[in-house]
Amino acid sequence: MKSKVYFTKEITPESLINIYEALGVKLTGNIGIKVSTGEKGAKGYLKADLIGSLVNKLNGTIIECNTAYDGARNDAVEHMQVAKDHGFVDMGNGVEIMDGIGEFKIPVHKGKHLKYDIIGEGFKKYDSILNLAHGKGHMMGGFGANLKNQSIGIASRNGKAYIHSCGQTEDPDECWTCKYEQKDFIESMAEAATAVSDYLKENNKPIVYITVMNAISLDCDCDAHQGDPVMEDIGIIGSLDPVANDQAFIDMIWNSKDPGAPSLQERIDSRMGRHITEYSESLGLGTTEYELIEL
């Protein structure tokens, strides 16, 4: 059965709210909104003036975890300062760096690489989740959207190390020297994303997925030296299925006539990025088959 993916070419605070409302799920209780706060020096992260209206409407908390790499967001104090500098603390219910208070393990049920996922302790307190991703390229994963936002993004600092090393170590200082196949890393991200979805289902906590496809650069918002966009803005997509939503983003890049599209396609395929949707589908996280509904 095809999943529904809603799409609008318009990228405004109002159209972001329209996409959320089209999904037909009313998030309630203590709402966590997973957004990348963007590395210090990055410029492509989702801006406060775009997402603020939706965050305020939901009275949600921007939720993040610390990075495994050395930078301005690898501890909670510095990370919170970056979030403040980028305008996130003044909207909704503020910001929480979830692994600032600890971490916990959740099982990976069908993994080839990971036995568990390690996520921020603060994730436990949220009753419902909005996975609000920025669609762009990525130096290691090829691209980043909802699946990466749910795997690397929700993992604690040690959890990120565990995913990046394909299950070899939880030590952020060791993970970058571990040897692994690129396909295994892509599959490890998919396994972690599926573990988060399973945890939410087991605890009756709903999640919805939105990706904003603007300022589309080759590198991620985690890159302090993020380059300029290589493509024109595409729009916003939303779904209850993260696999379908990521697949729609990929398909829009491959169907684009934008002269910058081939460079992003090369980035994605050189990192086996498209494998994440087919492998996630094999894990039961969602489907690559979707119906695109333009608003």
C-alpha atoms as a PDB file:
ATOM      1  CA  MET A   1       0.000   0.000   0.000  1.00  0.00           C
ATOM      2  CA  LYS A   2       1.329   3.411  -0.968  1.00  0.00           C
ATOM      3  CA  SER A   3       1.981   5.994   1.720  1.00  0.00           C
ATOM      4  CA  LYS A   4       0.684   9.527   1.315  1.00  0.00           C
ATOM      5  CA  VAL A   5       3.247  12.301   0.940  1.00  0.00           C
ATOM      6  CA  TYR A   6       1.925  15.859   0.970  1.00  0.00           C
ATOM      7  CA  PHE A   7       3.810  18.514  -0.976  1.00  0.00           C
ATOM      8  CA  THR A   8       3.801  22.262  -1.352  1.00  0.00           C
ATOM      9  CA  LYS A   9       6.172  24.345  -3.439  1.00  0.00           C
ATOM     10  CA  GLU A  10       5.648  27.282  -1.107  1.00  0.00           C
ATOM     11  CA  ILE A  11       8.148  27.603   1.747  1.00  0.00           C
ATOM     12  CA  THR A  12       6.590  29.923   4.321  1.00  0.00           C
ATOM     13  CA  PRO A  13       5.581  29.641   7.984  1.00  0.00           C
ATOM     14  CA  GLU A  14       1.970  29.306   6.814  1.00  0.00           C
ATOM     15  CA  SER A  15       2.679  26.524   4.309  1.00  0.00           C
ATOM     16  CA  LEU A  16       4.653  24.643   6.961  1.00  0.00           C
ATOM     17  CA  ILE A  17       1.585  24.722   9.206  1.00  0.00           C
ATOM     18  CA  ASN A  18      -0.588  23.641   6.258  1.00  0.00           C
ATOM     19  CA  ILE A  19       1.601  20.581   5.655  1.00  0.00           C
ATOM     20  CA  TYR A  20       1.420  19.645   9.341  1.00  0.00           C
ATOM     21  CA  GLU A  21      -2.366  19.977   9.380  1.00  0.00           C
ATOM     22  CA  ALA A  22      -2.711  17.940   6.156  1.00  0.00           C
ATOM     23  CA  LEU A  23      -1.148  14.959   7.921  1.00  0.00           C
ATOM     24  CA  GLY A  24      -4.302  14.619  10.030  1.00  0.00           C
ATOM     25  CA  VAL A  25      -2.534  13.764  13.302  1.00  0.00           C
ATOM     26  CA  LYS A  26      -2.952  16.172  16.187  1.00  0.00           C
ATOM     27  CA  LEU A  27       0.179  15.971  18.315  1.00  0.00           C
ATOM     28  CA  THR A  28      -0.678  16.461  21.990  1.00  0.00           C
ATOM     29  CA  GLY A  29       0.884  16.521  25.432  1.00  0.00           C
ATOM     30  CA  ASN A  30       4.556  17.317  25.790  1.00  0.00           C
ATOM     31  CA  ILE A  31       5.611  17.655  22.134  1.00  0.00           C
ATOM     32  CA  GLY A  32       9.229  17.195  21.076  1.00  0.00           C
ATOM     33  CA  ILE A  33      10.268  18.759  17.771  1.00  0.00           C
ATOM     34  CA  LYS A  34      13.486  17.228  16.448  1.00  0.00           C
ATOM     35  CA  VAL A  35      15.321  19.905  14.504  1.00  0.00           C
ATOM     36  CA  SER A  36      19.023  20.250  13.803  1.00  0.00           C
ATOM     37  CA  THR A  37      20.191  23.360  15.610  1.00  0.00           C
ATOM     38  CA  GLY A  38      22.992  23.726  13.047  1.00  0.00           C
ATOM     39  CA  GLU A  39      26.706  23.798  13.759  1.00  0.00           C
ATOM     40  CA  LYS A  40      28.301  27.129  14.629  1.00  0.00           C
ATOM     41  CA  GLY A  41      29.305  28.583  11.263  1.00  0.00           C
ATOM     42  CA  ALA A  42      26.740  26.598   9.247  1.00  0.00           C
ATOM     43  CA  LYS A  43      24.136  28.549   7.306  1.00  0.00           C
ATOM     44  CA  GLY A  44      21.617  26.090   5.870  1.00  0.00           C
ATOM     45  CA  TYR A  45      19.826  24.967   9.056  1.00  0.00           C
ATOM     46  CA  LEU A  46      16.080  25.631   9.332  1.00  0.00           C
ATOM     47  CA  LYS A  47      15.695  29.215  10.482  1.00  0.00           C
ATOM     48  CA  ALA A  48      13.667  30.311  13.480  1.00  0.00           C
ATOM     49  CA  ASP A  49      11.564  32.727  11.454  1.00  0.00           C
ATOM     50  CA  LEU A  50      10.425  29.852   9.205  1.00  0.00           C
ATOM     51  CA  ILE A  51       9.636  27.192  11.801  1.00  0.00           C
ATOM     52  CA  GLY A  52       8.726  29.438  14.743  1.00  0.00           C
ATOM     53  CA  SER A  53       5.020  29.733  13.965  1.00  0.00           C
ATOM     54  CA  LEU A  54       4.553  25.957  13.899  1.00  0.00           C
ATOM     55  CA  VAL A  55       6.684  25.443  17.008  1.00  0.00           C
ATOM     56  CA  ASN A  56       4.659  28.106  18.845  1.00  0.00           C
ATOM     57  CA  LYS A  57       1.367  26.650  17.611  1.00  0.00           C
ATOM     58  CA  LEU A  58       2.311  23.275  19.100  1.00  0.00           C
ATOM     59  CA  ASN A  59       4.063  24.826  22.121  1.00  0.00           C
ATOM     60  CA  GLY A  60       6.721  22.223  21.319  1.00  0.00           C
ATOM     61  CA  THR A  61      10.245  21.845  22.632  1.00  0.00           C
ATOM     62  CA  ILE A  62      13.125  21.790  20.167  1.00  0.00           C
ATOM     63  CA  ILE A  63      14.980  18.563  21.003  1.00  0.00           C
ATOM     64  CA  GLU A  64      18.582  17.765  20.119  1.00  0.00           C
ATOM     65  CA  CYS A  65      21.549  15.647  21.205  1.00  0.00           C
ATOM     66  CA  ASN A  66      25.241  16.425  21.306  1.00  0.00           C
ATOM     67  CA  THR A  67      27.564  15.667  18.412  1.00  0.00           C
ATOM     68  CA  ALA A  68      30.153  12.904  18.309  1.00  0.00           C
ATOM     69  CA  TYR A  69      32.648  15.092  16.455  1.00  0.00           C
ATOM     70  CA  ASP A  70      34.534  17.922  18.132  1.00  0.00           C
ATOM     71  CA  GLY A  71      32.836  21.242  17.590  1.00  0.00           C
ATOM     72  CA  ALA A  72      30.605  23.802  19.231  1.00  0.00           C
ATOM     73  CA  ARG A  73      27.826  21.281  19.978  1.00  0.00           C
ATOM     74  CA  ASN A  74      29.599  18.317  21.587  1.00  0.00           C
ATOM     75  CA  ASP A  75      28.577  19.267  25.117  1.00  0.00           C
ATOM     76  CA  ALA A  76      25.253  20.504  26.396  1.00  0.00           C
ATOM     77  CA  VAL A  77      26.384  23.950  27.588  1.00  0.00           C
ATOM     78  CA  GLU A  78      28.052  24.959  24.325  1.00  0.00           C
ATOM     79  CA  HIS A  79      25.283  23.310  22.311  1.00  0.00           C
ATOM     80  CA  MET A  80      22.642  25.346  24.115  1.00  0.00           C
ATOM     81  CA  GLN A  81      24.582  28.514  23.353  1.00  0.00           C
ATOM     82  CA  VAL A  82      24.577  27.675  19.622  1.00  0.00           C
ATOM     83  CA  ALA A  83      20.832  26.981  19.818  1.00  0.00           C
ATOM     84  CA  LYS A  84      20.372  30.370  21.463  1.00  0.00           C
ATOM     85  CA  ASP A  85      22.538  32.117  18.876  1.00  0.00           C
ATOM     86  CA  HIS A  86      20.452  30.516  16.115  1.00  0.00           C
ATOM     87  CA  GLY A  87      17.196  31.741  17.637  1.00  0.00           C
ATOM     88  CA  PHE A  88      15.714  28.443  18.827  1.00  0.00           C
ATOM     89  CA  VAL A  89      15.367  29.068  22.559  1.00  0.00           C
ATOM     90  CA  ASP A  90      12.840  31.886  22.159  1.00  0.00           C
ATOM     91  CA  MET A  91      10.122  29.814  20.489  1.00  0.00           C
ATOM     92  CA  GLY A  92       7.616  27.325  21.849  1.00  0.00           C
ATOM     93  CA  ASN A  93       8.789  25.632  25.022  1.00  0.00           C
ATOM     94  CA  GLY A  94      12.473  26.310  24.380  1.00  0.00           C
ATOM     95  CA  VAL A  95      15.246  23.790  23.708  1.00  0.00           C
ATOM     96  CA  GLU A  96      16.400  20.597  25.399  1.00  0.00           C
ATOM     97  CA  ILE A  97      19.726  18.888  24.732  1.00  0.00           C
ATOM     98  CA  MET A  98      18.379  15.439  25.553  1.00  0.00           C
ATOM     99  CA  ASP A  99      21.635  13.679  26.391  1.00  0.00           C
ATOM    100  CA  GLY A 100      22.671  16.540  28.656  1.00  0.00           C
ATOM    101  CA  ILE A 101      20.946  14.616  31.456  1.00  0.00           C
ATOM    102  CA  GLY A 102      22.045  11.138  30.366  1.00  0.00           C
ATOM    103  CA  GLU A 103      21.198   8.441  27.847  1.00  0.00           C
ATOM    104  CA  PHE A 104      19.467   5.074  27.579  1.00  0.00           C
ATOM    105  CA  LYS A 105      19.484   2.089  25.266  1.00  0.00           C
ATOM    106  CA  ILE A 106      16.596   0.880  23.131  1.00  0.00           C
ATOM    107  CA  PRO A 107      16.636  -2.435  21.244  1.00  0.00           C
ATOM    108  CA  VAL A 108      17.318  -2.880  17.553  1.00  0.00           C
ATOM    109  CA  HIS A 109      15.094  -5.826  16.674  1.00  0.00           C
ATOM    110  CA  LYS A 110      16.249  -6.697  13.147  1.00  0.00           C
ATOM    111  CA  GLY A 111      19.731  -5.253  12.959  1.00  0.00           C
ATOM    112  CA  LYS A 112      22.707  -6.711  11.118  1.00  0.00           C
ATOM    113  CA  HIS A 113      25.081  -4.144  12.595  1.00  0.00           C
ATOM    114  CA  LEU A 114      23.588  -2.637  15.761  1.00  0.00           C
ATOM    115  CA  LYS A 115      22.382  -4.546  18.802  1.00  0.00           C
ATOM    116  CA  TYR A 116      20.784  -1.420  20.286  1.00  0.00           C
ATOM    117  CA  ASP A 117      20.494   2.319  19.847  1.00  0.00           C
ATOM    118  CA  ILE A 118      21.559   4.861  22.473  1.00  0.00           C
ATOM    119  CA  ILE A 119      19.395   7.950  22.678  1.00  0.00           C
ATOM    120  CA  GLY A 120      19.143  11.018  24.864  1.00  0.00           C
ATOM    121  CA  GLU A 121      17.522  10.459  28.277  1.00  0.00           C
ATOM    122  CA  GLY A 122      15.263  13.451  27.745  1.00  0.00           C
ATOM    123  CA  PHE A 123      13.450  11.666  24.901  1.00  0.00           C
ATOM    124  CA  LYS A 124      11.465   9.699  27.483  1.00  0.00           C
ATOM    125  CA  LYS A 125       9.459  12.721  28.621  1.00  0.00           C
ATOM    126  CA  TYR A 126       7.829  13.536  25.276  1.00  0.00           C
ATOM    127  CA  ASP A 127       4.328  12.315  24.474  1.00  0.00           C
ATOM    128  CA  SER A 128       4.492  12.948  20.728  1.00  0.00           C
ATOM    129  CA  ILE A 129       7.182  13.865  18.205  1.00  0.00           C
ATOM    130  CA  LEU A 130       7.532  16.026  15.114  1.00  0.00           C
ATOM    131  CA  ASN A 131      10.551  14.990  13.042  1.00  0.00           C
ATOM    132  CA  LEU A 132      11.239  18.291  11.272  1.00  0.00           C
ATOM    133  CA  ALA A 133      14.174  17.818   8.922  1.00  0.00           C
ATOM    134  CA  HIS A 134      16.112  19.965   6.498  1.00  0.00           C
ATOM    135  CA  GLY A 135      16.681  18.200   3.198  1.00  0.00           C
ATOM    136  CA  LYS A 136      20.273  18.607   1.961  1.00  0.00           C
ATOM    137  CA  GLY A 137      23.388  16.676   1.058  1.00  0.00           C
ATOM    138  CA  HIS A 138      25.727  15.115   3.602  1.00  0.00           C
ATOM    139  CA  MET A 139      29.458  14.426   3.556  1.00  0.00           C
ATOM    140  CA  MET A 140      29.150  10.934   5.091  1.00  0.00           C
ATOM    141  CA  GLY A 141      25.586   9.796   4.399  1.00  0.00           C
ATOM    142  CA  GLY A 142      25.082  11.314   0.956  1.00  0.00           C
ATOM    143  CA  PHE A 143      21.990  13.194   2.048  1.00  0.00           C
ATOM    144  CA  GLY A 144      20.123  14.012   5.205  1.00  0.00           C
ATOM    145  CA  ALA A 145      16.387  14.220   5.777  1.00  0.00           C
ATOM    146  CA  ASN A 146      13.936  12.450   8.119  1.00  0.00           C
ATOM    147  CA  LEU A 147      15.767   9.112   8.431  1.00  0.00           C
ATOM    148  CA  LYS A 148      19.070  10.728   9.365  1.00  0.00           C
ATOM    149  CA  ASN A 149      17.270  13.173  11.680  1.00  0.00           C
ATOM    150  CA  GLN A 150      15.747  10.181  13.489  1.00  0.00           C
ATOM    151  CA  SER A 151      18.904   8.085  13.691  1.00  0.00           C
ATOM    152  CA  ILE A 152      22.011  10.211  14.143  1.00  0.00           C
ATOM    153  CA  GLY A 153      19.871  13.128  15.315  1.00  0.00           C
ATOM    154  CA  ILE A 154      18.138  11.448  18.258  1.00  0.00           C
ATOM    155  CA  ALA A 155      21.160   9.355  19.264  1.00  0.00           C
ATOM    156  CA  SER A 156      23.213  10.602  22.189  1.00  0.00           C
ATOM    157  CA  ARG A 157      26.849  11.549  21.669  1.00  0.00           C
ATOM    158  CA  ASN A 158      27.881   7.982  22.495  1.00  0.00           C
ATOM    159  CA  GLY A 159      25.000   6.672  20.397  1.00  0.00           C
ATOM    160  CA  LYS A 160      26.237   8.647  17.417  1.00  0.00           C
ATOM    161  CA  ALA A 161      29.644   7.028  17.873  1.00  0.00           C
ATOM    162  CA  TYR A 162      27.993   3.608  17.966  1.00  0.00           C
ATOM    163  CA  ILE A 163      26.097   4.273  14.717  1.00  0.00           C
ATOM    164  CA  HIS A 164      29.092   5.846  12.951  1.00  0.00           C
ATOM    165  CA  SER A 165      31.258   2.836  13.857  1.00  0.00           C
ATOM    166  CA  CYS A 166      28.532   0.378  12.758  1.00  0.00           C
ATOM    167  CA  GLY A 167      28.319  -1.052  16.259  1.00  0.00           C
ATOM    168  CA  GLN A 168      32.040  -1.301  17.033  1.00  0.00           C
ATOM    169  CA  THR A 169      32.383   1.326  19.767  1.00  0.00           C
ATOM    170  CA  GLU A 170      30.434   3.812  21.864  1.00  0.00           C
ATOM    171  CA  ASP A 171      33.496   6.025  22.313  1.00  0.00           C
ATOM    172  CA  PRO A 172      33.367   9.254  20.243  1.00  0.00           C
ATOM    173  CA  ASP A 173      37.155   9.428  20.279  1.00  0.00           C
ATOM    174  CA  GLU A 174      37.490   5.928  18.819  1.00  0.00           C
ATOM    175  CA  CYS A 175      34.655   5.829  16.299  1.00  0.00           C
ATOM    176  CA  TRP A 176      36.386   7.902  13.625  1.00  0.00           C
ATOM    177  CA  THR A 177      39.271   5.404  13.362  1.00  0.00           C
ATOM    178  CA  CYS A 178      37.025   2.328  13.015  1.00  0.00           C
ATOM    179  CA  LYS A 179      37.060   0.533   9.667  1.00  0.00           C
ATOM    180  CA  TYR A 180      33.724  -0.265   8.042  1.00  0.00           C
ATOM    181  CA  GLU A 181      32.019  -0.563   4.680  1.00  0.00           C
ATOM    182  CA  GLN A 182      29.983   2.446   3.559  1.00  0.00           C
ATOM    183  CA  LYS A 183      26.930   0.253   3.000  1.00  0.00           C
ATOM    184  CA  ASP A 184      27.143  -0.873   6.621  1.00  0.00           C
ATOM    185  CA  PHE A 185      27.095   2.736   7.842  1.00  0.00           C
ATOM    186  CA  ILE A 186      24.008   3.543   5.762  1.00  0.00           C
ATOM    187  CA  GLU A 187      22.316   0.419   7.105  1.00  0.00           C
ATOM    188  CA  SER A 188      23.308   1.301  10.681  1.00  0.00           C
ATOM    189  CA  MET A 189      21.528   4.648  10.337  1.00  0.00           C
ATOM    190  CA  ALA A 190      18.435   2.853   9.072  1.00  0.00           C
ATOM    191  CA  GLU A 191      18.541   0.410  11.987  1.00  0.00           C
ATOM    192  CA  ALA A 192      18.772   3.247  14.517  1.00  0.00           C
ATOM    193  CA  ALA A 193      15.893   5.130  12.875  1.00  0.00           C
ATOM    194  CA  THR A 194      13.779   1.971  12.985  1.00  0.00           C
ATOM    195  CA  ALA A 195      14.632   1.425  16.657  1.00  0.00           C
ATOM    196  CA  VAL A 196      13.318   4.908  17.499  1.00  0.00           C
ATOM    197  CA  SER A 197      10.114   4.243  15.555  1.00  0.00           C
ATOM    198  CA  ASP A 198       9.644   0.907  17.341  1.00  0.00           C
ATOM    199  CA  TYR A 199      10.205   2.551  20.735  1.00  0.00           C
ATOM    200  CA  LEU A 200       7.554   5.171  19.993  1.00  0.00           C
ATOM    201  CA  LYS A 201       5.051   2.572  18.787  1.00  0.00           C
ATOM    202  CA  GLU A 202       5.640   0.384  21.836  1.00  0.00           C
ATOM    203  CA  ASN A 203       4.919   3.393  24.067  1.00  0.00           C
ATOM    204  CA  ASN A 204       1.897   4.622  22.051  1.00  0.00           C
ATOM    205  CA  LYS A 205       3.604   7.896  21.135  1.00  0.00           C
ATOM    206  CA  PRO A 206       2.770   9.299  17.679  1.00  0.00           C
ATOM    207  CA  ILE A 207       5.330  10.812  15.316  1.00  0.00           C
ATOM    208  CA  VAL A 208       4.930  12.754  12.071  1.00  0.00           C
ATOM    209  CA  TYR A 209       7.533  13.675   9.461  1.00  0.00           C
ATOM    210  CA  ILE A 210       8.185  16.915   7.587  1.00  0.00           C
ATOM    211  CA  THR A 211      11.166  17.820   5.392  1.00  0.00           C
ATOM    212  CA  VAL A 212      11.857  21.370   4.233  1.00  0.00           C
ATOM    213  CA  MET A 213      13.762  21.333   0.946  1.00  0.00           C
ATOM    214  CA  ASN A 214      15.436  24.734   0.902  1.00  0.00           C
ATOM    215  CA  ALA A 215      19.033  26.007   0.922  1.00  0.00           C
ATOM    216  CA  ILE A 216      19.995  22.615  -0.517  1.00  0.00           C
ATOM    217  CA  SER A 217      23.771  22.349  -0.163  1.00  0.00           C
ATOM    218  CA  LEU A 218      26.093  19.400  -0.731  1.00  0.00           C
ATOM    219  CA  ASP A 219      27.059  19.342   2.931  1.00  0.00           C
ATOM    220  CA  CYS A 220      25.056  19.062   6.114  1.00  0.00           C
ATOM    221  CA  ASP A 221      24.010  21.691   8.641  1.00  0.00           C
ATOM    222  CA  CYS A 222      26.492  19.956  10.971  1.00  0.00           C
ATOM    223  CA  ASP A 223      29.326  21.295   8.805  1.00  0.00           C
ATOM    224  CA  ALA A 224      30.811  24.523  10.178  1.00  0.00           C
ATOM    225  CA  HIS A 225      32.028  25.318   6.655  1.00  0.00           C
ATOM    226  CA  GLN A 226      28.789  24.436   4.868  1.00  0.00           C
ATOM    227  CA  GLY A 227      28.798  25.647   1.275  1.00  0.00           C
ATOM    228  CA  ASP A 228      26.185  27.624  -0.591  1.00  0.00           C
ATOM    229  CA  PRO A 229      23.075  25.929  -2.024  1.00  0.00           C
ATOM    230  CA  VAL A 230      23.637  23.982  -5.242  1.00  0.00           C
ATOM    231  CA  MET A 231      19.944  23.863  -6.230  1.00  0.00           C
ATOM    232  CA  GLU A 232      16.929  26.109  -6.133  1.00  0.00           C
ATOM    233  CA  ASP A 233      14.452  25.501  -3.308  1.00  0.00           C
ATOM    234  CA  ILE A 234      11.990  22.673  -3.995  1.00  0.00           C
ATOM    235  CA  GLY A 235       9.300  22.991  -1.297  1.00  0.00           C
ATOM    236  CA  ILE A 236       8.055  21.109   1.766  1.00  0.00           C
ATOM    237  CA  ILE A 237       6.945  17.476   2.045  1.00  0.00           C
ATOM    238  CA  GLY A 238       5.188  15.732   4.911  1.00  0.00           C
ATOM    239  CA  SER A 239       4.113  12.173   5.667  1.00  0.00           C
ATOM    240  CA  LEU A 240       3.387   9.683   8.417  1.00  0.00           C
ATOM    241  CA  ASP A 241       6.020   7.480   6.754  1.00  0.00           C
ATOM    242  CA  PRO A 242       9.687   8.549   6.970  1.00  0.00           C
ATOM    243  CA  VAL A 243      10.782   6.154   4.231  1.00  0.00           C
ATOM    244  CA  ALA A 244       8.232   7.530   1.777  1.00  0.00           C
ATOM    245  CA  ASN A 245       9.120  11.095   2.711  1.00  0.00           C
ATOM    246  CA  ASP A 246      12.858  10.525   2.184  1.00  0.00           C
ATOM    247  CA  GLN A 247      12.131   8.671  -1.063  1.00  0.00           C
ATOM    248  CA  ALA A 248      10.056  11.603  -2.308  1.00  0.00           C
ATOM    249  CA  PHE A 249      12.948  13.971  -1.551  1.00  0.00           C
ATOM    250  CA  ILE A 250      15.378  11.744  -3.460  1.00  0.00           C
ATOM    251  CA  ASP A 251      12.988  11.405  -6.405  1.00  0.00           C
ATOM    252  CA  MET A 252      12.546  15.181  -6.603  1.00  0.00           C
ATOM    253  CA  ILE A 253      16.312  15.590  -6.846  1.00  0.00           C
ATOM    254  CA  TRP A 254      16.533  12.965  -9.598  1.00  0.00           C
ATOM    255  CA  ASN A 255      13.569  14.432 -11.484  1.00  0.00           C
ATOM    256  CA  SER A 256      14.862  17.996 -11.212  1.00  0.00           C
ATOM    257  CA  LYS A 257      16.043  19.947 -14.277  1.00  0.00           C
ATOM    258  CA  ASP A 258      18.039  22.248 -12.007  1.00  0.00           C
ATOM    259  CA  PRO A 259      21.635  22.540 -13.306  1.00  0.00           C
ATOM    260  CA  GLY A 260      22.904  21.858  -9.785  1.00  0.00           C
ATOM    261  CA  ALA A 261      21.010  18.586  -9.396  1.00  0.00           C
ATOM    262  CA  PRO A 262      23.737  16.342 -10.892  1.00  0.00           C
ATOM    263  CA  SER A 263      26.254  17.474  -8.260  1.00  0.00           C
ATOM    264  CA  LEU A 264      23.860  16.495  -5.467  1.00  0.00           C
ATOM    265  CA  GLN A 265      23.041  13.224  -7.222  1.00  0.00           C
ATOM    266  CA  GLU A 266      26.765  12.453  -7.378  1.00  0.00           C
ATOM    267  CA  ARG A 267      27.173  13.265  -3.692  1.00  0.00           C
ATOM    268  CA  ILE A 268      24.307  10.937  -2.763  1.00  0.00           C
ATOM    269  CA  ASP A 269      25.346   8.019  -4.947  1.00  0.00           C
ATOM    270  CA  SER A 270      29.051   8.283  -4.091  1.00  0.00           C
ATOM    271  CA  ARG A 271      28.022   7.611  -0.469  1.00  0.00           C
ATOM    272  CA  MET A 272      25.380   4.951  -1.329  1.00  0.00           C
ATOM    273  CA  GLY A 273      22.817   7.351   0.137  1.00  0.00           C
ATOM    274  CA  ARG A 274      19.817   5.946  -1.714  1.00  0.00           C
ATOM    275  CA  HIS A 275      20.343   2.579  -0.035  1.00  0.00           C
ATOM    276  CA  ILE A 276      18.899   3.941   3.213  1.00  0.00           C
ATOM    277  CA  THR A 277      15.318   3.947   1.955  1.00  0.00           C
ATOM    278  CA  GLU A 278      15.362   0.429   0.498  1.00  0.00           C
ATOM    279  CA  TYR A 279      17.061  -0.983   3.585  1.00  0.00           C
ATOM    280  CA  SER A 280      14.666   0.858   5.911  1.00  0.00           C
ATOM    281  CA  GLU A 281      11.806  -0.611   3.902  1.00  0.00           C
ATOM    282  CA  SER A 282      13.253  -4.112   4.405  1.00  0.00           C
ATOM    283  CA  LEU A 283      13.260  -3.450   8.169  1.00  0.00           C
ATOM    284  CA  GLY A 284       9.564  -2.561   8.099  1.00  0.00           C
ATOM    285  CA  LEU A 285      10.011   1.132   8.860  1.00  0.00           C
ATOM    286  CA  GLY A 286       7.960   2.248   5.873  1.00  0.00           C
ATOM    287  CA  THR A 287       7.593   1.947   2.128  1.00  0.00           C
ATOM    288  CA  THR A 288       9.308   3.529  -0.861  1.00  0.00           C
ATOM    289  CA  GLU A 289       5.959   3.493  -2.694  1.00  0.00           C
ATOM    290  CA  TYR A 290       4.014   6.708  -2.226  1.00  0.00           C
ATOM    291  CA  GLU A 291       1.268   8.923  -3.584  1.00  0.00           C
ATOM    292  CA  LEU A 292       2.323  12.566  -3.902  1.00  0.00           C
ATOM    293  CA  ILE A 293      -0.483  14.953  -2.985  1.00  0.00           C
ATOM    294  CA  GLU A 294       0.168  18.577  -3.867  1.00  0.00           C
ATOM    295  CA  LEU A 295      -1.496  21.173  -1.678  1.00  0.00           C
END
